Amino acid sequence: MNRLSHKAIYQSDGILIEYQLETGATVKIDLANILGQQIKTVFRGVQAPGKYQIAFPYNLAKGIYVYTIRAGAQQVSRKVLVK
């Protein structure tokens, strides 16, 4: 099983999501609004074990969003605030 660690880092020009894969996996990162409506797929692809970063700019309306990372059978979702 792939243990998935991650965090969101707020920067002046956007949000940076850092995550780490213990084993290679098909990875998909989605961004949705607080109502659950998908805004966009931020990343989709196969990745080897290691640390990764995905950035998305603050070209979104202010509000609360949810990003979901799927890596193999693992899935985690977290809220992020766009100011």
Protein backbone atom coordinates (compact mmCIF):
# COMPACT_ATOMS: atom_id res chain seq x y z
CA MET A 1 0.00 0.00 0.00
CA ASN A 2 1.20 3.49 -0.85
CA ARG A 3 1.32 5.86 2.16
CA LEU A 4 0.59 9.33 0.86
CA SER A 5 1.88 12.36 2.76
CA HIS A 6 1.02 15.87 1.61
CA LYS A 7 0.64 19.51 2.59
CA ALA A 8 -0.54 22.78 1.07
CA ILE A 9 1.78 25.78 1.22
CA TYR A 10 0.38 29.25 0.69
CA GLN A 11 2.59 31.55 -1.37
CA SER A 12 2.10 35.10 -2.60
CA ASP A 13 1.22 33.96 -6.13
CA GLY A 14 -0.67 30.73 -5.46
CA ILE A 15 -0.86 27.48 -3.59
CA LEU A 16 1.83 24.81 -3.70
CA ILE A 17 0.86 21.23 -2.91
CA GLU A 18 3.73 19.01 -1.84
CA TYR A 19 3.28 15.27 -1.65
CA GLN A 20 5.39 12.16 -1.35
CA LEU A 21 4.86 8.69 -2.78
CA GLU A 22 6.46 5.65 -1.15
CA THR A 23 5.79 3.54 -4.25
CA GLY A 24 5.07 4.40 -7.86
CA ALA A 25 1.41 5.03 -8.65
CA THR A 26 -1.07 6.59 -11.01
CA VAL A 27 -1.71 10.02 -9.50
CA LYS A 28 -4.64 12.37 -10.04
CA ILE A 29 -5.06 15.73 -8.29
CA ASP A 30 -8.44 17.46 -8.58
CA LEU A 31 -9.62 20.84 -7.37
CA ALA A 32 -13.26 21.40 -6.43
CA ASN A 33 -15.26 24.22 -4.88
CA ILE A 34 -16.76 23.84 -1.43
CA LEU A 35 -20.01 22.54 -3.00
CA GLY A 36 -18.10 19.61 -4.49
CA GLN A 37 -18.23 20.85 -8.08
CA GLN A 38 -14.99 19.98 -9.86
CA ILE A 39 -13.09 23.06 -11.04
CA LYS A 40 -10.19 21.33 -12.76
CA THR A 41 -7.83 18.40 -12.79
CA VAL A 42 -4.50 19.87 -11.67
CA PHE A 43 -2.43 16.78 -12.53
CA ARG A 44 -2.91 13.30 -13.97
CA GLY A 45 -0.15 10.80 -14.67
CA VAL A 46 2.05 7.96 -13.48
CA GLN A 47 4.79 8.91 -11.01
CA ALA A 48 7.71 7.01 -9.50
CA PRO A 49 8.40 7.00 -5.75
CA GLY A 50 9.60 10.38 -4.50
CA LYS A 51 8.63 13.93 -3.53
CA TYR A 52 6.60 16.12 -5.86
CA GLN A 53 5.19 19.65 -5.99
CA ILE A 54 2.21 20.94 -7.92
CA ALA A 55 1.41 24.66 -7.99
CA PHE A 56 -1.73 26.45 -9.00
CA PRO A 57 -2.05 30.25 -9.16
CA TYR A 58 -4.54 32.47 -7.38
CA ASN A 59 -6.60 33.01 -10.52
CA LEU A 60 -9.56 31.57 -8.64
CA ALA A 61 -12.33 33.53 -6.97
CA LYS A 62 -11.88 34.03 -3.23
CA GLY A 63 -13.27 31.17 -1.21
CA ILE A 64 -12.72 27.69 0.14
CA TYR A 65 -11.66 24.92 -2.22
CA VAL A 66 -10.93 21.24 -1.77
CA TYR A 67 -8.05 19.42 -3.41
CA THR A 68 -8.10 15.64 -3.69
CA ILE A 69 -5.02 13.54 -4.34
CA ARG A 70 -5.55 10.00 -5.57
CA ALA A 71 -2.48 7.75 -5.71
CA GLY A 72 -3.22 4.13 -6.44
CA ALA A 73 -5.79 2.98 -3.87
CA GLN A 74 -5.12 5.95 -1.54
CA GLN A 75 -7.16 9.13 -1.56
CA VAL A 76 -6.92 12.24 0.62
CA SER A 77 -8.82 15.51 0.48
CA ARG A 78 -8.04 18.81 2.19
CA LYS A 79 -9.52 22.29 2.20
CA VAL A 80 -7.55 25.33 1.05
CA LEU A 81 -8.49 28.98 1.40
CA VAL A 82 -8.00 31.42 -1.47
CA LYS A 83 -7.89 34.99 -0.12
